[in-house]
Amino acid sequence: MKTINEVKMLAAKQGLTLTYVAKYLSEKLNKEITLDNLSKKLRADTIRYSDMKIIAQALNTELIFKETN
């Protein structure tokens, strides 16, 4: 599944939008993150891990690395 679809799905479960996520990122990073810019990064799978951690906070979720067998 593409990153953008996963983020959209998680946002929808929280009753949030990508616009909210972009604004949240802007506040946390102290720089303007537009909806268009965020969407492009998510579609191209070029978003930074550090940004994904902030997105997880915005969506009240956490990123987990889990060892597999």
PDB file of N, CA and C in Angstrom:
ATOM      1  N   MET A   1       0.846  -1.175   0.000  1.00  0.00           N
ATOM      2  CA  MET A   1       0.000   0.000   0.000  1.00  0.00           C
ATOM      3  C   MET A   1       0.894   1.242   0.000  1.00  0.00           C
ATOM      4  N   LYS A   2       0.540   2.240  -0.803  1.00  0.00           N
ATOM      5  CA  LYS A   2       1.299   3.478  -0.872  1.00  0.00           C
ATOM      6  C   LYS A   2       1.205   4.226   0.458  1.00  0.00           C
ATOM      7  N   THR A   3       2.258   4.942   0.759  1.00  0.00           N
ATOM      8  CA  THR A   3       2.327   5.698   2.002  1.00  0.00           C
ATOM      9  C   THR A   3       1.166   6.680   2.119  1.00  0.00           C
ATOM     10  N   ILE A   4       0.838   7.352   1.036  1.00  0.00           N
ATOM     11  CA  ILE A   4      -0.250   8.337   1.098  1.00  0.00           C
ATOM     12  C   ILE A   4      -1.570   7.686   1.480  1.00  0.00           C
ATOM     13  N   ASN A   5      -1.819   6.496   0.969  1.00  0.00           N
ATOM     14  CA  ASN A   5      -3.070   5.805   1.292  1.00  0.00           C
ATOM     15  C   ASN A   5      -3.106   5.384   2.757  1.00  0.00           C
ATOM     16  N   GLU A   6      -1.976   4.945   3.272  1.00  0.00           N
ATOM     17  CA  GLU A   6      -1.921   4.559   4.681  1.00  0.00           C
ATOM     18  C   GLU A   6      -2.155   5.755   5.590  1.00  0.00           C
ATOM     19  N   VAL A   7      -1.515   6.879   5.273  1.00  0.00           N
ATOM     20  CA  VAL A   7      -1.686   8.079   6.087  1.00  0.00           C
ATOM     21  C   VAL A   7      -3.124   8.578   6.002  1.00  0.00           C
ATOM     22  N   LYS A   8      -3.701   8.581   4.801  1.00  0.00           N
ATOM     23  CA  LYS A   8      -5.092   9.005   4.634  1.00  0.00           C
ATOM     24  C   LYS A   8      -6.037   8.114   5.439  1.00  0.00           C
ATOM     25  N   MET A   9      -5.788   6.811   5.400  1.00  0.00           N
ATOM     26  CA  MET A   9      -6.630   5.867   6.131  1.00  0.00           C
ATOM     27  C   MET A   9      -6.550   6.118   7.636  1.00  0.00           C
ATOM     28  N   LEU A  10      -5.334   6.298   8.135  1.00  0.00           N
ATOM     29  CA  LEU A  10      -5.164   6.561   9.566  1.00  0.00           C
ATOM     30  C   LEU A  10      -5.796   7.898   9.956  1.00  0.00           C
ATOM     31  N   ALA A  11      -5.645   8.894   9.111  1.00  0.00           N
ATOM     32  CA  ALA A  11      -6.247  10.202   9.386  1.00  0.00           C
ATOM     33  C   ALA A  11      -7.768  10.087   9.424  1.00  0.00           C
ATOM     34  N   ALA A  12      -8.337   9.392   8.465  1.00  0.00           N
ATOM     35  CA  ALA A  12      -9.798   9.237   8.408  1.00  0.00           C
ATOM     36  C   ALA A  12     -10.320   8.548   9.659  1.00  0.00           C
ATOM     37  N   LYS A  13      -9.600   7.550  10.164  1.00  0.00           N
ATOM     38  CA  LYS A  13     -10.021   6.861  11.390  1.00  0.00           C
ATOM     39  C   LYS A  13     -10.070   7.804  12.582  1.00  0.00           C
ATOM     40  N   GLN A  14      -9.220   8.845  12.551  1.00  0.00           N
ATOM     41  CA  GLN A  14      -9.171   9.823  13.635  1.00  0.00           C
ATOM     42  C   GLN A  14     -10.101  11.014  13.350  1.00  0.00           C
ATOM     43  N   GLY A  15     -10.744  11.001  12.192  1.00  0.00           N
ATOM     44  CA  GLY A  15     -11.598  12.113  11.799  1.00  0.00           C
ATOM     45  C   GLY A  15     -10.787  13.337  11.381  1.00  0.00           C
ATOM     46  N   LEU A  16      -9.570  13.094  10.878  1.00  0.00           N
ATOM     47  CA  LEU A  16      -8.663  14.176  10.491  1.00  0.00           C
ATOM     48  C   LEU A  16      -8.435  14.155   8.978  1.00  0.00           C
ATOM     49  N   THR A  17      -7.788  15.201   8.490  1.00  0.00           N
ATOM     50  CA  THR A  17      -7.500  15.316   7.058  1.00  0.00           C
ATOM     51  C   THR A  17      -6.005  15.506   6.846  1.00  0.00           C
ATOM     52  N   LEU A  18      -5.582  15.349   5.593  1.00  0.00           N
ATOM     53  CA  LEU A  18      -4.185  15.627   5.262  1.00  0.00           C
ATOM     54  C   LEU A  18      -3.864  17.109   5.450  1.00  0.00           C
ATOM     55  N   THR A  19      -4.860  17.956   5.286  1.00  0.00           N
ATOM     56  CA  THR A  19      -4.659  19.385   5.531  1.00  0.00           C
ATOM     57  C   THR A  19      -4.254  19.609   6.982  1.00  0.00           C
ATOM     58  N   TYR A  20      -4.942  18.937   7.898  1.00  0.00           N
ATOM     59  CA  TYR A  20      -4.588  19.026   9.318  1.00  0.00           C
ATOM     60  C   TYR A  20      -3.165  18.526   9.543  1.00  0.00           C
ATOM     61  N   VAL A  21      -2.820  17.415   8.926  1.00  0.00           N
ATOM     62  CA  VAL A  21      -1.481  16.841   9.085  1.00  0.00           C
ATOM     63  C   VAL A  21      -0.420  17.813   8.572  1.00  0.00           C
ATOM     64  N   ALA A  22      -0.673  18.438   7.437  1.00  0.00           N
ATOM     65  CA  ALA A  22       0.276  19.410   6.883  1.00  0.00           C
ATOM     66  C   ALA A  22       0.455  20.593   7.828  1.00  0.00           C
ATOM     67  N   LYS A  23      -0.631  21.092   8.399  1.00  0.00           N
ATOM     68  CA  LYS A  23      -0.548  22.210   9.346  1.00  0.00           C
ATOM     69  C   LYS A  23       0.199  21.790  10.605  1.00  0.00           C
ATOM     70  N   TYR A  24      -0.060  20.587  11.086  1.00  0.00           N
ATOM     71  CA  TYR A  24       0.617  20.062  12.272  1.00  0.00           C
ATOM     72  C   TYR A  24       2.128  19.974  12.017  1.00  0.00           C
ATOM     73  N   LEU A  25       2.497  19.444  10.867  1.00  0.00           N
ATOM     74  CA  LEU A  25       3.913  19.365  10.492  1.00  0.00           C
ATOM     75  C   LEU A  25       4.539  20.756  10.427  1.00  0.00           C
ATOM     76  N   SER A  26       3.824  21.695   9.852  1.00  0.00           N
ATOM     77  CA  SER A  26       4.324  23.069   9.746  1.00  0.00           C
ATOM     78  C   SER A  26       4.633  23.649  11.119  1.00  0.00           C
ATOM     79  N   GLU A  27       3.719  23.437  12.048  1.00  0.00           N
ATOM     80  CA  GLU A  27       3.913  23.952  13.406  1.00  0.00           C
ATOM     81  C   GLU A  27       5.106  23.294  14.091  1.00  0.00           C
ATOM     82  N   LYS A  28       5.208  21.994  13.977  1.00  0.00           N
ATOM     83  CA  LYS A  28       6.272  21.256  14.659  1.00  0.00           C
ATOM     84  C   LYS A  28       7.642  21.518  14.042  1.00  0.00           C
ATOM     85  N   LEU A  29       7.690  21.700  12.731  1.00  0.00           N
ATOM     86  CA  LEU A  29       8.970  21.899  12.044  1.00  0.00           C
ATOM     87  C   LEU A  29       9.332  23.370  11.887  1.00  0.00           C
ATOM     88  N   ASN A  30       8.399  24.243  12.244  1.00  0.00           N
ATOM     89  CA  ASN A  30       8.633  25.682  12.132  1.00  0.00           C
ATOM     90  C   ASN A  30       8.949  26.113  10.702  1.00  0.00           C
ATOM     91  N   LYS A  31       8.313  25.468   9.754  1.00  0.00           N
ATOM     92  CA  LYS A  31       8.426  25.870   8.354  1.00  0.00           C
ATOM     93  C   LYS A  31       7.143  25.484   7.646  1.00  0.00           C
ATOM     94  N   GLU A  32       6.872  26.174   6.539  1.00  0.00           N
ATOM     95  CA  GLU A  32       5.616  25.928   5.846  1.00  0.00           C
ATOM     96  C   GLU A  32       5.654  24.607   5.084  1.00  0.00           C
ATOM     97  N   ILE A  33       4.705  23.759   5.408  1.00  0.00           N
ATOM     98  CA  ILE A  33       4.493  22.501   4.693  1.00  0.00           C
ATOM     99  C   ILE A  33       3.100  22.597   4.089  1.00  0.00           C
ATOM    100  N   THR A  34       3.028  22.690   2.783  1.00  0.00           N
ATOM    101  CA  THR A  34       1.721  22.788   2.139  1.00  0.00           C
ATOM    102  C   THR A  34       1.120  21.398   1.946  1.00  0.00           C
ATOM    103  N   LEU A  35      -0.173  21.375   1.772  1.00  0.00           N
ATOM    104  CA  LEU A  35      -0.858  20.116   1.492  1.00  0.00           C
ATOM    105  C   LEU A  35      -0.300  19.492   0.222  1.00  0.00           C
ATOM    106  N   ASP A  36      -0.072  20.316  -0.793  1.00  0.00           N
ATOM    107  CA  ASP A  36       0.460  19.828  -2.064  1.00  0.00           C
ATOM    108  C   ASP A  36       1.842  19.201  -1.877  1.00  0.00           C
ATOM    109  N   ASN A  37       2.704  19.885  -1.129  1.00  0.00           N
ATOM    110  CA  ASN A  37       4.055  19.387  -0.889  1.00  0.00           C
ATOM    111  C   ASN A  37       4.026  18.067  -0.120  1.00  0.00           C
ATOM    112  N   LEU A  38       3.191  18.011   0.918  1.00  0.00           N
ATOM    113  CA  LEU A  38       3.076  16.785   1.711  1.00  0.00           C
ATOM    114  C   LEU A  38       2.545  15.641   0.845  1.00  0.00           C
ATOM    115  N   SER A  39       1.526  15.918   0.060  1.00  0.00           N
ATOM    116  CA  SER A  39       0.951  14.882  -0.812  1.00  0.00           C
ATOM    117  C   SER A  39       1.979  14.341  -1.795  1.00  0.00           C
ATOM    118  N   LYS A  40       2.770  15.231  -2.379  1.00  0.00           N
ATOM    119  CA  LYS A  40       3.796  14.797  -3.328  1.00  0.00           C
ATOM    120  C   LYS A  40       4.824  13.893  -2.659  1.00  0.00           C
ATOM    121  N   LYS A  41       5.262  14.264  -1.453  1.00  0.00           N
ATOM    122  CA  LYS A  41       6.243  13.442  -0.736  1.00  0.00           C
ATOM    123  C   LYS A  41       5.664  12.075  -0.386  1.00  0.00           C
ATOM    124  N   LEU A  42       4.414  12.043   0.040  1.00  0.00           N
ATOM    125  CA  LEU A  42       3.780  10.774   0.396  1.00  0.00           C
ATOM    126  C   LEU A  42       3.557   9.901  -0.837  1.00  0.00           C
ATOM    127  N   ARG A  43       3.142  10.505  -1.935  1.00  0.00           N
ATOM    128  CA  ARG A  43       2.919   9.741  -3.175  1.00  0.00           C
ATOM    129  C   ARG A  43       4.218   9.142  -3.713  1.00  0.00           C
ATOM    130  N   ALA A  44       5.295   9.919  -3.626  1.00  0.00           N
ATOM    131  CA  ALA A  44       6.579   9.479  -4.173  1.00  0.00           C
ATOM    132  C   ALA A  44       7.378   8.639  -3.173  1.00  0.00           C
ATOM    133  N   ASP A  45       6.843   8.460  -1.982  1.00  0.00           N
ATOM    134  CA  ASP A  45       7.549   7.733  -0.912  1.00  0.00           C
ATOM    135  C   ASP A  45       8.925   8.341  -0.643  1.00  0.00           C
ATOM    136  N   THR A  46       8.987   9.680  -0.627  1.00  0.00           N
ATOM    137  CA  THR A  46      10.244  10.368  -0.349  1.00  0.00           C
ATOM    138  C   THR A  46      10.201  11.136   0.964  1.00  0.00           C
ATOM    139  N   ILE A  47       9.217  10.839   1.786  1.00  0.00           N
ATOM    140  CA  ILE A  47       9.082  11.542   3.062  1.00  0.00           C
ATOM    141  C   ILE A  47      10.122  11.023   4.052  1.00  0.00           C
ATOM    142  N   ARG A  48      10.644  11.908   4.857  1.00  0.00           N
ATOM    143  CA  ARG A  48      11.666  11.531   5.851  1.00  0.00           C
ATOM    144  C   ARG A  48      11.039  10.767   7.004  1.00  0.00           C
ATOM    145  N   TYR A  49      11.845   9.911   7.592  1.00  0.00           N
ATOM    146  CA  TYR A  49      11.392   9.170   8.763  1.00  0.00           C
ATOM    147  C   TYR A  49      11.050  10.133   9.899  1.00  0.00           C
ATOM    148  N   SER A  50      11.857  11.172  10.077  1.00  0.00           N
ATOM    149  CA  SER A  50      11.603  12.144  11.153  1.00  0.00           C
ATOM    150  C   SER A  50      10.247  12.828  10.940  1.00  0.00           C
ATOM    151  N   ASP A  51       9.891  13.098   9.692  1.00  0.00           N
ATOM    152  CA  ASP A  51       8.579  13.681   9.405  1.00  0.00           C
ATOM    153  C   ASP A  51       7.466  12.671   9.680  1.00  0.00           C
ATOM    154  N   MET A  52       7.716  11.414   9.372  1.00  0.00           N
ATOM    155  CA  MET A  52       6.713  10.378   9.643  1.00  0.00           C
ATOM    156  C   MET A  52       6.457  10.224  11.139  1.00  0.00           C
ATOM    157  N   LYS A  53       7.488  10.416  11.959  1.00  0.00           N
ATOM    158  CA  LYS A  53       7.284  10.355  13.412  1.00  0.00           C
ATOM    159  C   LYS A  53       6.351  11.475  13.866  1.00  0.00           C
ATOM    160  N   ILE A  54       6.494  12.650  13.282  1.00  0.00           N
ATOM    161  CA  ILE A  54       5.622  13.772  13.627  1.00  0.00           C
ATOM    162  C   ILE A  54       4.206  13.516  13.111  1.00  0.00           C
ATOM    163  N   ILE A  55       4.097  12.950  11.918  1.00  0.00           N
ATOM    164  CA  ILE A  55       2.782  12.605  11.381  1.00  0.00           C
ATOM    165  C   ILE A  55       2.095  11.593  12.300  1.00  0.00           C
ATOM    166  N   ALA A  56       2.844  10.639  12.789  1.00  0.00           N
ATOM    167  CA  ALA A  56       2.281   9.658  13.722  1.00  0.00           C
ATOM    168  C   ALA A  56       1.745  10.351  14.971  1.00  0.00           C
ATOM    169  N   GLN A  57       2.472  11.331  15.483  1.00  0.00           N
ATOM    170  CA  GLN A  57       1.991  12.097  16.641  1.00  0.00           C
ATOM    171  C   GLN A  57       0.680  12.799  16.305  1.00  0.00           C
ATOM    172  N   ALA A  58       0.628  13.420  15.134  1.00  0.00           N
ATOM    173  CA  ALA A  58      -0.572  14.145  14.715  1.00  0.00           C
ATOM    174  C   ALA A  58      -1.780  13.217  14.653  1.00  0.00           C
ATOM    175  N   LEU A  59      -1.533  11.969  14.295  1.00  0.00           N
ATOM    176  CA  LEU A  59      -2.610  10.992  14.134  1.00  0.00           C
ATOM    177  C   LEU A  59      -2.826  10.136  15.376  1.00  0.00           C
ATOM    178  N   ASN A  60      -2.184  10.520  16.477  1.00  0.00           N
ATOM    179  CA  ASN A  60      -2.305   9.770  17.737  1.00  0.00           C
ATOM    180  C   ASN A  60      -1.971   8.294  17.561  1.00  0.00           C
ATOM    181  N   THR A  61      -0.917   8.047  16.797  1.00  0.00           N
ATOM    182  CA  THR A  61      -0.439   6.689  16.572  1.00  0.00           C
ATOM    183  C   THR A  61       1.063   6.676  16.830  1.00  0.00           C
ATOM    184  N   GLU A  62       1.658   5.520  16.734  1.00  0.00           N
ATOM    185  CA  GLU A  62       3.110   5.433  16.876  1.00  0.00           C
ATOM    186  C   GLU A  62       3.675   4.514  15.819  1.00  0.00           C
ATOM    187  N   LEU A  63       4.900   4.820  15.422  1.00  0.00           N
ATOM    188  CA  LEU A  63       5.614   3.962  14.482  1.00  0.00           C
ATOM    189  C   LEU A  63       6.342   2.900  15.299  1.00  0.00           C
ATOM    190  N   ILE A  64       6.228   1.673  14.883  1.00  0.00           N
ATOM    191  CA  ILE A  64       6.848   0.590  15.638  1.00  0.00           C
ATOM    192  C   ILE A  64       7.651  -0.291  14.688  1.00  0.00           C
ATOM    193  N   PHE A  65       8.877  -0.543  15.082  1.00  0.00           N
ATOM    194  CA  PHE A  65       9.682  -1.543  14.383  1.00  0.00           C
ATOM    195  C   PHE A  65       9.535  -2.826  15.177  1.00  0.00           C
ATOM    196  N   LYS A  66       9.138  -3.857  14.502  1.00  0.00           N
ATOM    197  CA  LYS A  66       8.847  -5.116  15.174  1.00  0.00           C
ATOM    198  C   LYS A  66       9.654  -6.216  14.503  1.00  0.00           C
ATOM    199  N   GLU A  67      10.371  -6.972  15.287  1.00  0.00           N
ATOM    200  CA  GLU A  67      11.152  -8.072  14.748  1.00  0.00           C
ATOM    201  C   GLU A  67      10.225  -9.165  14.237  1.00  0.00           C
ATOM    202  N   THR A  68      10.544  -9.664  13.062  1.00  0.00           N
ATOM    203  CA  THR A  68       9.722 -10.738  12.512  1.00  0.00           C
ATOM    204  C   THR A  68      10.526 -12.036  12.564  1.00  0.00           C
ATOM    205  N   ASN A  69       9.838 -13.137  12.493  1.00  0.00           N
ATOM    206  CA  ASN A  69      10.496 -14.448  12.553  1.00  0.00           C
ATOM    207  C   ASN A  69      11.010 -14.872  11.209  1.00  0.00           C
TER     208      ASN A  69
END
